Amino acid sequence: MESDRKCSPLNLANLAWAFASAGWHGEMSTRRVGLRDPKFFQWIAESAVAMSPQFTSQNCSNLVWSFATLRIGHQDLFEAMSVQ
């Protein structure tokens, strides 16, 4: 992803939540339709870590749920969200 693009904490959490929800609740398989794009989720995680002090508890919850639901691990993200 391009590094000059910025999203708010709410936008990042909502993006991740939408992709996880589409794979979890819909008829689509996350593996089949590519909803687990590693570069996309790496960008979300890195962006979220950089702005983690701005995250609300709801943003943290939605973001971590999304990564867990899609079974995507990112240690730095989980550590950053755990202190919020």
Protein backbone atom coordinates (compact mmCIF):
# COMPACT_ATOMS: atom_id res chain seq x y z
CA MET A 1 0.00 0.00 0.00
CA GLU A 2 1.14 3.55 -0.52
CA SER A 3 2.65 5.03 2.61
CA ASP A 4 1.30 8.54 1.98
CA ARG A 5 -2.33 7.44 2.43
CA LYS A 6 -3.76 8.16 5.86
CA CYS A 7 -6.82 6.80 7.62
CA SER A 8 -8.28 7.58 11.00
CA PRO A 9 -8.35 4.87 13.69
CA LEU A 10 -12.06 4.45 13.05
CA ASN A 11 -11.46 4.01 9.30
CA LEU A 12 -8.75 1.40 9.88
CA ALA A 13 -10.90 -0.56 12.32
CA ASN A 14 -13.89 -0.38 9.98
CA LEU A 15 -11.85 -1.53 6.97
CA ALA A 16 -10.54 -4.56 8.83
CA TRP A 17 -13.97 -5.30 10.31
CA ALA A 18 -15.64 -5.14 6.88
CA PHE A 19 -13.20 -7.62 5.35
CA ALA A 20 -13.47 -9.98 8.32
CA SER A 21 -17.26 -9.74 8.34
CA ALA A 22 -17.50 -10.43 4.61
CA GLY A 23 -15.46 -13.59 5.06
CA TRP A 24 -17.14 -14.68 8.28
CA HIS A 25 -20.82 -13.89 7.74
CA GLY A 26 -21.13 -14.08 3.98
CA GLU A 27 -21.12 -17.02 1.65
CA MET A 28 -17.66 -16.05 0.48
CA SER A 29 -14.63 -17.89 1.70
CA THR A 30 -11.83 -15.54 2.76
CA ARG A 31 -9.35 -17.82 1.01
CA ARG A 32 -11.36 -18.04 -2.20
CA VAL A 33 -11.96 -14.32 -2.76
CA GLY A 34 -8.68 -12.98 -1.46
CA LEU A 35 -9.99 -11.05 1.54
CA ARG A 36 -6.79 -11.85 3.46
CA ASP A 37 -4.40 -9.85 1.26
CA PRO A 38 -1.16 -9.80 3.29
CA LYS A 39 0.01 -6.39 2.02
CA PHE A 40 -3.33 -4.79 2.83
CA PHE A 41 -3.43 -6.14 6.38
CA GLN A 42 0.25 -5.33 6.91
CA TRP A 43 -0.56 -1.71 5.98
CA ILE A 44 -3.55 -1.68 8.34
CA ALA A 45 -1.43 -3.10 11.18
CA GLU A 46 1.50 -0.74 10.65
CA SER A 47 -0.81 2.27 10.38
CA ALA A 48 -2.69 1.22 13.51
CA VAL A 49 0.51 0.74 15.52
CA ALA A 50 1.72 4.20 14.50
CA MET A 51 -1.49 5.86 15.70
CA SER A 52 -2.43 3.47 18.50
CA PRO A 53 -2.72 6.21 21.18
CA GLN A 54 -5.61 7.66 19.18
CA PHE A 55 -7.63 4.41 19.20
CA THR A 56 -10.77 4.13 21.32
CA SER A 57 -11.53 0.87 23.08
CA GLN A 58 -14.15 0.12 20.40
CA ASN A 59 -11.62 0.71 17.60
CA CYS A 60 -9.15 -1.62 19.35
CA SER A 61 -11.77 -4.29 19.86
CA ASN A 62 -12.97 -4.24 16.26
CA LEU A 63 -9.45 -4.28 14.86
CA VAL A 64 -8.21 -7.15 17.02
CA TRP A 65 -11.43 -9.12 16.38
CA SER A 66 -10.91 -8.69 12.65
CA PHE A 67 -7.34 -9.97 12.69
CA ALA A 68 -8.31 -12.87 14.95
CA THR A 69 -11.32 -13.79 12.82
CA LEU A 70 -9.19 -13.87 9.69
CA ARG A 71 -6.41 -15.68 11.61
CA ILE A 72 -3.85 -13.01 10.78
CA GLY A 73 -1.16 -12.54 13.39
CA HIS A 74 0.73 -9.30 13.96
CA GLN A 75 2.57 -9.15 17.29
CA ASP A 76 3.30 -5.41 17.22
CA LEU A 77 -0.37 -4.64 16.55
CA PHE A 78 -1.59 -6.87 19.36
CA GLU A 79 0.91 -5.37 21.80
CA ALA A 80 -0.01 -1.80 20.81
CA MET A 81 -3.73 -2.49 21.18
CA SER A 82 -3.29 -4.25 24.51
CA VAL A 83 -2.11 -1.07 26.23
CA GLN A 84 -5.02 1.05 25.03
